[in-house]
Amino acid sequence: MTTKKIFLICTGIFLGVILLGSSFTSASDGNDVIGFPFTFYQYLGGKKFPEPVSRHSFNAVIFLADLLISFGIPFLILFYLNRKK
């Protein structure tokens, strides 16, 4: 398997896991949460008292950790299987 195919497989796995692990409930007084296994983005929906300074919360370090886990583990497995052949 070429590196390009491995990259495309890892991208698909990352997007699938992120979509399955996210919740979008801000339209019904909930919160939007994106990230798996760590939450890297959160939007606070609904009425809040006192009003928060910012309703958006994005953590780049946790996003990079999610990328590393989601790309690193499948890439290593596929790379190892490719070398065995």
N, C-alpha and C. Protein backbone atom coordinates (compact mmCIF):
# COMPACT_ATOMS: atom_id res chain seq x y z
N MET A 1 0.85 -1.17 0.00
CA MET A 1 0.00 0.00 0.00
C MET A 1 0.90 1.24 0.00
N THR A 2 0.56 2.20 -0.81
CA THR A 2 1.37 3.41 -0.87
C THR A 2 1.02 4.35 0.28
N THR A 3 1.91 5.30 0.50
CA THR A 3 1.70 6.27 1.57
C THR A 3 0.46 7.11 1.30
N LYS A 4 0.17 7.38 0.03
CA LYS A 4 -1.01 8.17 -0.32
C LYS A 4 -2.29 7.44 0.08
N LYS A 5 -2.35 6.13 -0.16
CA LYS A 5 -3.53 5.36 0.23
C LYS A 5 -3.66 5.29 1.75
N ILE A 6 -2.54 5.13 2.43
CA ILE A 6 -2.56 5.08 3.90
C ILE A 6 -3.05 6.42 4.44
N PHE A 7 -2.60 7.53 3.85
CA PHE A 7 -3.03 8.86 4.28
C PHE A 7 -4.53 9.03 4.06
N LEU A 8 -5.05 8.59 2.93
CA LEU A 8 -6.48 8.70 2.66
C LEU A 8 -7.31 7.84 3.61
N ILE A 9 -6.83 6.66 3.93
CA ILE A 9 -7.53 5.80 4.89
C ILE A 9 -7.55 6.45 6.27
N CYS A 10 -6.41 7.00 6.69
CA CYS A 10 -6.33 7.67 8.00
C CYS A 10 -7.23 8.90 8.04
N THR A 11 -7.31 9.64 6.94
CA THR A 11 -8.19 10.81 6.89
C THR A 11 -9.65 10.38 7.02
N GLY A 12 -10.03 9.32 6.34
CA GLY A 12 -11.39 8.80 6.45
C GLY A 12 -11.71 8.34 7.87
N ILE A 13 -10.77 7.66 8.49
CA ILE A 13 -10.96 7.20 9.87
C ILE A 13 -11.11 8.40 10.80
N PHE A 14 -10.26 9.43 10.63
CA PHE A 14 -10.32 10.62 11.47
C PHE A 14 -11.68 11.32 11.34
N LEU A 15 -12.11 11.55 10.10
CA LEU A 15 -13.39 12.23 9.89
C LEU A 15 -14.57 11.41 10.41
N GLY A 16 -14.53 10.11 10.21
CA GLY A 16 -15.60 9.25 10.71
C GLY A 16 -15.70 9.26 12.22
N VAL A 17 -14.56 9.16 12.88
CA VAL A 17 -14.55 9.15 14.35
C VAL A 17 -14.98 10.50 14.90
N ILE A 18 -14.54 11.58 14.28
CA ILE A 18 -14.93 12.92 14.74
C ILE A 18 -16.44 13.11 14.58
N LEU A 19 -16.99 12.71 13.44
CA LEU A 19 -18.44 12.87 13.23
C LEU A 19 -19.24 11.99 14.18
N LEU A 20 -18.78 10.77 14.43
CA LEU A 20 -19.52 9.89 15.34
C LEU A 20 -19.39 10.33 16.80
N GLY A 21 -18.28 10.97 17.16
CA GLY A 21 -18.06 11.38 18.54
C GLY A 21 -18.52 12.78 18.86
N SER A 22 -19.16 13.46 17.91
CA SER A 22 -19.59 14.84 18.11
C SER A 22 -21.08 14.90 18.47
N SER A 23 -21.44 15.99 19.12
CA SER A 23 -22.86 16.23 19.38
C SER A 23 -23.17 17.68 19.06
N PHE A 24 -24.26 17.89 18.34
CA PHE A 24 -24.68 19.22 17.93
C PHE A 24 -26.09 19.46 18.47
N THR A 25 -26.16 20.02 19.67
CA THR A 25 -27.46 20.23 20.31
C THR A 25 -27.68 21.69 20.70
N SER A 26 -26.91 22.62 20.13
CA SER A 26 -27.06 24.03 20.53
C SER A 26 -28.39 24.62 20.05
N ALA A 27 -28.99 24.03 19.04
CA ALA A 27 -30.29 24.54 18.56
C ALA A 27 -31.40 24.32 19.58
N SER A 28 -31.23 23.37 20.48
CA SER A 28 -32.25 23.08 21.49
C SER A 28 -31.70 23.31 22.90
N ASP A 29 -31.07 24.45 23.10
CA ASP A 29 -30.51 24.86 24.41
C ASP A 29 -29.45 23.89 24.92
N GLY A 30 -28.68 23.30 24.03
CA GLY A 30 -27.59 22.42 24.43
C GLY A 30 -26.26 23.01 23.99
N ASN A 31 -25.25 22.16 23.95
CA ASN A 31 -23.92 22.57 23.55
C ASN A 31 -23.48 21.76 22.34
N ASP A 32 -22.63 22.37 21.51
CA ASP A 32 -21.98 21.66 20.43
C ASP A 32 -20.61 21.21 20.93
N VAL A 33 -20.31 19.93 20.77
CA VAL A 33 -19.05 19.38 21.23
C VAL A 33 -18.44 18.58 20.08
N ILE A 34 -17.18 18.86 19.77
CA ILE A 34 -16.48 18.16 18.70
C ILE A 34 -15.16 17.65 19.25
N GLY A 35 -14.86 16.39 18.96
CA GLY A 35 -13.58 15.81 19.34
C GLY A 35 -13.73 14.45 19.96
N PHE A 36 -12.84 13.56 19.55
CA PHE A 36 -12.79 12.23 20.15
C PHE A 36 -11.38 11.72 20.04
N PRO A 37 -10.74 11.26 21.03
CA PRO A 37 -11.20 10.98 22.38
C PRO A 37 -11.21 12.21 23.29
N PHE A 38 -10.60 13.31 22.85
CA PHE A 38 -10.58 14.53 23.65
C PHE A 38 -11.44 15.58 22.96
N THR A 39 -12.12 16.41 23.73
CA THR A 39 -12.97 17.46 23.18
C THR A 39 -12.10 18.68 22.91
N PHE A 40 -11.96 19.04 21.61
CA PHE A 40 -11.12 20.19 21.27
C PHE A 40 -11.93 21.43 20.90
N TYR A 41 -13.23 21.28 20.66
CA TYR A 41 -14.07 22.44 20.35
C TYR A 41 -15.39 22.31 21.10
N GLN A 42 -15.84 23.44 21.66
CA GLN A 42 -17.12 23.46 22.36
C GLN A 42 -17.79 24.81 22.13
N TYR A 43 -19.06 24.75 21.79
CA TYR A 43 -19.88 25.95 21.66
C TYR A 43 -20.98 25.87 22.70
N LEU A 44 -21.07 26.91 23.53
CA LEU A 44 -22.09 26.94 24.58
C LEU A 44 -23.36 27.57 24.03
N GLY A 45 -24.41 26.78 23.91
CA GLY A 45 -25.68 27.28 23.40
C GLY A 45 -26.64 27.56 24.53
N GLY A 46 -27.78 28.09 24.17
CA GLY A 46 -28.82 28.35 25.17
C GLY A 46 -28.58 29.63 25.95
N LYS A 47 -29.47 29.86 26.89
CA LYS A 47 -29.36 31.05 27.73
C LYS A 47 -28.45 30.75 28.90
N LYS A 48 -27.54 31.65 29.17
CA LYS A 48 -26.59 31.50 30.27
C LYS A 48 -26.64 32.76 31.12
N PHE A 49 -26.60 32.57 32.43
CA PHE A 49 -26.51 33.71 33.33
C PHE A 49 -25.45 33.40 34.38
N PRO A 50 -24.47 34.20 34.53
CA PRO A 50 -24.14 35.37 33.72
C PRO A 50 -23.64 34.95 32.34
N GLU A 51 -23.81 35.84 31.37
CA GLU A 51 -23.41 35.57 29.99
C GLU A 51 -21.90 35.34 29.92
N PRO A 52 -21.46 34.22 29.32
CA PRO A 52 -20.02 33.97 29.23
C PRO A 52 -19.32 34.97 28.32
N VAL A 53 -18.04 35.19 28.56
CA VAL A 53 -17.27 36.12 27.75
C VAL A 53 -17.23 35.64 26.30
N SER A 54 -17.04 34.34 26.13
CA SER A 54 -17.01 33.76 24.79
C SER A 54 -17.78 32.45 24.82
N ARG A 55 -18.59 32.23 23.80
CA ARG A 55 -19.35 30.98 23.72
C ARG A 55 -18.56 29.89 23.02
N HIS A 56 -17.47 30.27 22.35
CA HIS A 56 -16.65 29.31 21.62
C HIS A 56 -15.41 28.96 22.42
N SER A 57 -15.02 27.70 22.38
CA SER A 57 -13.81 27.25 23.05
C SER A 57 -13.10 26.26 22.13
N PHE A 58 -11.89 26.61 21.68
CA PHE A 58 -11.09 25.75 20.82
C PHE A 58 -9.72 25.59 21.44
N ASN A 59 -9.27 24.34 21.58
CA ASN A 59 -7.96 24.06 22.15
C ASN A 59 -7.11 23.37 21.08
N ALA A 60 -6.10 24.09 20.58
CA ALA A 60 -5.27 23.59 19.49
C ALA A 60 -4.41 22.41 19.92
N VAL A 61 -3.94 22.38 21.16
CA VAL A 61 -3.09 21.29 21.63
C VAL A 61 -3.89 19.98 21.67
N ILE A 62 -5.10 20.04 22.14
CA ILE A 62 -5.94 18.84 22.19
C ILE A 62 -6.32 18.41 20.77
N PHE A 63 -6.53 19.39 19.86
CA PHE A 63 -6.80 19.06 18.46
C PHE A 63 -5.62 18.32 17.85
N LEU A 64 -4.41 18.77 18.12
CA LEU A 64 -3.22 18.09 17.61
C LEU A 64 -3.08 16.69 18.21
N ALA A 65 -3.45 16.55 19.48
CA ALA A 65 -3.41 15.22 20.11
C ALA A 65 -4.42 14.28 19.44
N ASP A 66 -5.62 14.78 19.13
CA ASP A 66 -6.61 13.98 18.42
C ASP A 66 -6.10 13.58 17.04
N LEU A 67 -5.46 14.53 16.34
CA LEU A 67 -4.89 14.22 15.03
C LEU A 67 -3.81 13.15 15.15
N LEU A 68 -2.96 13.29 16.14
CA LEU A 68 -1.87 12.33 16.33
C LEU A 68 -2.41 10.94 16.61
N ILE A 69 -3.42 10.84 17.45
CA ILE A 69 -4.02 9.55 17.76
C ILE A 69 -4.75 8.98 16.55
N SER A 70 -5.56 9.83 15.90
CA SER A 70 -6.37 9.35 14.78
C SER A 70 -5.56 9.02 13.54
N PHE A 71 -4.45 9.72 13.32
CA PHE A 71 -3.61 9.43 12.17
C PHE A 71 -2.48 8.48 12.53
N GLY A 72 -1.92 8.63 13.71
CA GLY A 72 -0.74 7.86 14.08
C GLY A 72 -1.00 6.38 14.23
N ILE A 73 -2.03 6.01 14.94
CA ILE A 73 -2.29 4.59 15.20
C ILE A 73 -2.64 3.84 13.91
N PRO A 74 -3.60 4.32 13.09
CA PRO A 74 -3.86 3.59 11.84
C PRO A 74 -2.67 3.59 10.89
N PHE A 75 -1.94 4.71 10.84
CA PHE A 75 -0.78 4.78 9.96
C PHE A 75 0.27 3.75 10.36
N LEU A 76 0.53 3.63 11.65
CA LEU A 76 1.51 2.65 12.12
C LEU A 76 1.05 1.22 11.85
N ILE A 77 -0.23 0.94 12.06
CA ILE A 77 -0.75 -0.41 11.80
C ILE A 77 -0.65 -0.74 10.31
N LEU A 78 -1.11 0.18 9.46
CA LEU A 78 -1.06 -0.08 8.02
C LEU A 78 0.37 -0.13 7.50
N PHE A 79 1.24 0.70 8.05
CA PHE A 79 2.64 0.68 7.64
C PHE A 79 3.29 -0.64 8.05
N TYR A 80 2.98 -1.13 9.24
CA TYR A 80 3.52 -2.40 9.71
C TYR A 80 3.01 -3.56 8.85
N LEU A 81 1.72 -3.56 8.54
CA LEU A 81 1.16 -4.60 7.69
C LEU A 81 1.75 -4.55 6.28
N ASN A 82 2.04 -3.35 5.78
CA ASN A 82 2.63 -3.19 4.48
C ASN A 82 4.06 -3.74 4.46
N ARG A 83 4.80 -3.54 5.53
CA ARG A 83 6.18 -4.02 5.60
C ARG A 83 6.26 -5.52 5.73
N LYS A 84 5.23 -6.14 6.33
CA LYS A 84 5.22 -7.59 6.50
C LYS A 84 5.11 -8.31 5.14
N LYS A 85 4.41 -7.68 4.21
CA LYS A 85 4.22 -8.28 2.89
C LYS A 85 5.48 -8.12 2.12
